[in-house]
Amino acid sequence: TRTYARPGDHSLVPVRHAPTRCYLKAAGSDPPRTWMAGQQQRLLRAADGHPDAAPFLRAVRTWYRDAVRYLLRDPKQNDGDGDYFAAYLRAAHRDVYDDIDRSDPEALRRRETAPSLSRGRNHPQKKKKHVLRDLAVPDVDRIFRDWALRAPGGG
């Protein structure tokens, strides 16, 4: 096992095997629940009988859900550190993510364009750019309306 020093003021600890395509499951939970839900259940059990425990945990859950929704509404503008934006690029625009320097997510988030790591087909000496300012999270309601219109009998 290697020990890592906390890097500068970025406050992130490198994790070599972080889950990117799954979630952390609470050990021994049945039915399965996320690690965070398991932590909440442990806190509720530990504070059993305390009159402020359940309302406090509901407030924390509401705050967390609102904070995540805010970040996901526009990862480019609402994420100061750039981590959510980098994760969004990885998930939704993999071709762009794989073709740009993403070593500094915070700087990447502030950029309007990012130079390609590959060269353009038409200009072998000139690098192409990816336009990041136009990337937006699609509106889920609009997507479902579009799907409904395309469905048989959807009109």
Protein backbone atom coordinates (compact mmCIF):
# COMPACT_ATOMS: atom_id res chain seq x y z
CA THR A 1 0.00 0.00 0.00
CA ARG A 2 1.32 3.42 -0.94
CA THR A 3 0.84 6.53 1.12
CA TYR A 4 0.06 9.74 -0.71
CA ALA A 5 0.65 13.25 0.53
CA ARG A 6 -2.22 15.66 0.12
CA PRO A 7 -1.35 17.81 -2.92
CA GLY A 8 -0.92 21.57 -2.41
CA ASP A 9 -4.10 23.52 -1.93
CA HIS A 10 -6.17 21.50 -4.41
CA SER A 11 -7.38 19.35 -1.48
CA LEU A 12 -7.78 16.16 -3.49
CA VAL A 13 -6.17 12.86 -2.53
CA PRO A 14 -5.20 10.72 -5.53
CA VAL A 15 -7.02 7.40 -5.62
CA ARG A 16 -5.69 4.88 -8.10
CA HIS A 17 -8.75 2.64 -8.10
CA ALA A 18 -11.69 5.03 -7.70
CA PRO A 19 -15.01 3.63 -8.96
CA THR A 20 -16.04 5.42 -12.16
CA ARG A 21 -18.69 3.08 -13.50
CA CYS A 22 -20.32 2.01 -10.24
CA TYR A 23 -21.26 3.25 -6.79
CA LEU A 24 -20.02 2.32 -3.35
CA LYS A 25 -22.41 -0.15 -1.70
CA ALA A 26 -22.90 -0.16 2.05
CA ALA A 27 -21.42 -3.38 3.45
CA GLY A 28 -24.03 -5.87 4.59
CA SER A 29 -27.00 -3.79 3.41
CA ASP A 30 -30.07 -5.73 2.35
CA PRO A 31 -31.64 -4.51 0.17
CA PRO A 32 -28.48 -2.98 -1.31
CA ARG A 33 -28.04 0.74 -0.62
CA THR A 34 -25.37 3.25 -1.43
CA TRP A 35 -22.54 3.85 0.98
CA MET A 36 -23.93 7.30 1.78
CA ALA A 37 -27.37 5.84 2.59
CA GLY A 38 -25.63 3.27 4.80
CA GLN A 39 -23.83 6.05 6.66
CA GLN A 40 -27.13 7.80 7.23
CA GLN A 41 -28.67 4.60 8.59
CA ARG A 42 -25.70 4.15 10.96
CA LEU A 43 -26.11 7.74 12.20
CA LEU A 44 -29.82 7.21 12.77
CA ARG A 45 -29.13 4.06 14.80
CA ALA A 46 -26.38 5.79 16.80
CA ALA A 47 -28.65 8.76 17.56
CA ASP A 48 -31.71 6.61 18.24
CA GLY A 49 -34.02 8.50 20.52
CA HIS A 50 -32.40 11.90 20.06
CA PRO A 51 -35.18 14.28 18.98
CA ASP A 52 -32.99 16.21 16.49
CA ALA A 53 -31.40 13.24 14.68
CA ALA A 54 -34.01 12.52 11.99
CA PRO A 55 -34.75 16.19 11.11
CA PHE A 56 -31.01 16.93 10.97
CA LEU A 57 -30.33 14.02 8.61
CA ARG A 58 -33.29 15.02 6.42
CA ALA A 59 -31.83 18.53 6.19
CA VAL A 60 -28.40 17.12 5.27
CA ARG A 61 -29.97 14.88 2.60
CA THR A 62 -31.91 17.84 1.16
CA TRP A 63 -28.79 20.03 1.15
CA TYR A 64 -26.73 17.32 -0.55
CA ARG A 65 -29.39 16.63 -3.20
CA ASP A 66 -29.75 20.36 -3.94
CA ALA A 67 -25.97 20.83 -4.15
CA VAL A 68 -25.59 17.93 -6.59
CA ARG A 69 -28.52 19.13 -8.71
CA TYR A 70 -26.96 22.61 -8.86
CA LEU A 71 -23.62 21.19 -10.00
CA LEU A 72 -25.18 18.88 -12.56
CA ARG A 73 -27.44 21.59 -13.98
CA ASP A 74 -24.38 23.20 -15.57
CA PRO A 75 -21.09 21.49 -14.68
CA LYS A 76 -19.04 24.00 -16.67
CA GLN A 77 -20.33 27.09 -14.88
CA ASN A 78 -21.35 25.77 -11.46
CA ASP A 79 -18.29 23.70 -10.55
CA GLY A 80 -15.43 25.81 -9.21
CA ASP A 81 -12.91 22.96 -9.11
CA GLY A 82 -13.74 21.52 -12.52
CA ASP A 83 -14.04 17.93 -11.29
CA TYR A 84 -17.71 17.59 -12.21
CA PHE A 85 -17.03 19.20 -15.58
CA ALA A 86 -14.23 16.71 -16.29
CA ALA A 87 -16.51 13.83 -15.24
CA TYR A 88 -19.28 15.21 -17.47
CA LEU A 89 -16.87 15.38 -20.42
CA ARG A 90 -15.78 11.81 -19.75
CA ALA A 91 -19.37 10.55 -19.61
CA ALA A 92 -21.11 12.64 -22.28
CA HIS A 93 -18.37 13.79 -24.68
CA ARG A 94 -15.83 10.97 -24.55
CA ASP A 95 -14.28 11.87 -27.91
CA VAL A 96 -13.47 15.37 -26.63
CA TYR A 97 -12.35 14.07 -23.22
CA ASP A 98 -9.90 11.61 -24.81
CA ASP A 99 -8.47 14.25 -27.17
CA ILE A 100 -7.64 17.12 -24.79
CA ASP A 101 -5.21 17.79 -21.95
CA ARG A 102 -7.34 17.33 -18.84
CA SER A 103 -4.56 17.42 -16.26
CA ASP A 104 -5.96 20.62 -14.70
CA PRO A 105 -9.78 20.34 -14.51
CA GLU A 106 -10.14 23.79 -12.93
CA ALA A 107 -8.30 25.50 -15.80
CA LEU A 108 -10.13 23.32 -18.33
CA ARG A 109 -13.49 24.41 -16.92
CA ARG A 110 -12.60 28.08 -17.48
CA ARG A 111 -11.51 27.56 -21.08
CA GLU A 112 -13.75 28.33 -24.04
CA THR A 113 -11.74 26.10 -26.36
CA ALA A 114 -9.21 23.33 -25.83
CA PRO A 115 -6.53 22.35 -28.31
CA SER A 116 -6.77 18.84 -29.66
CA LEU A 117 -3.96 16.42 -28.87
CA SER A 118 -4.34 15.03 -32.40
CA ARG A 119 -3.82 16.93 -35.63
CA GLY A 120 -6.70 17.90 -37.90
CA ARG A 121 -7.24 15.91 -41.11
CA ASN A 122 -7.38 18.93 -43.43
CA HIS A 123 -4.43 20.79 -41.91
CA PRO A 124 -1.67 18.36 -40.96
CA GLN A 125 0.44 21.14 -39.41
CA LYS A 126 -2.41 22.87 -37.59
CA LYS A 127 -4.01 21.45 -34.48
CA LYS A 128 -7.77 21.42 -34.28
CA LYS A 129 -9.67 22.83 -31.29
CA HIS A 130 -12.64 21.59 -29.34
CA VAL A 131 -15.18 24.28 -28.49
CA LEU A 132 -16.01 23.82 -24.82
CA ARG A 133 -18.16 26.93 -24.35
CA ASP A 134 -20.99 25.36 -26.38
CA LEU A 135 -21.17 22.15 -24.36
CA ALA A 136 -24.34 22.03 -22.34
CA VAL A 137 -26.19 19.44 -20.30
CA PRO A 138 -29.25 18.42 -22.32
CA ASP A 139 -32.66 19.16 -20.84
CA VAL A 140 -34.06 15.81 -19.70
CA ASP A 141 -37.68 16.90 -20.19
CA ARG A 142 -36.94 17.92 -23.78
CA ILE A 143 -35.23 14.59 -24.45
CA PHE A 144 -38.22 12.60 -23.19
CA ARG A 145 -40.60 14.75 -25.28
CA ASP A 146 -38.46 14.06 -28.35
CA TRP A 147 -38.45 10.33 -27.60
CA ALA A 148 -42.22 10.34 -27.14
CA LEU A 149 -42.67 12.03 -30.53
CA ARG A 150 -40.49 9.41 -32.21
CA ALA A 151 -42.20 6.47 -30.52
CA PRO A 152 -44.79 4.55 -32.58
CA GLY A 153 -48.11 6.33 -32.13
CA GLY A 154 -46.38 9.24 -30.37
CA GLY A 155 -47.50 11.72 -33.01
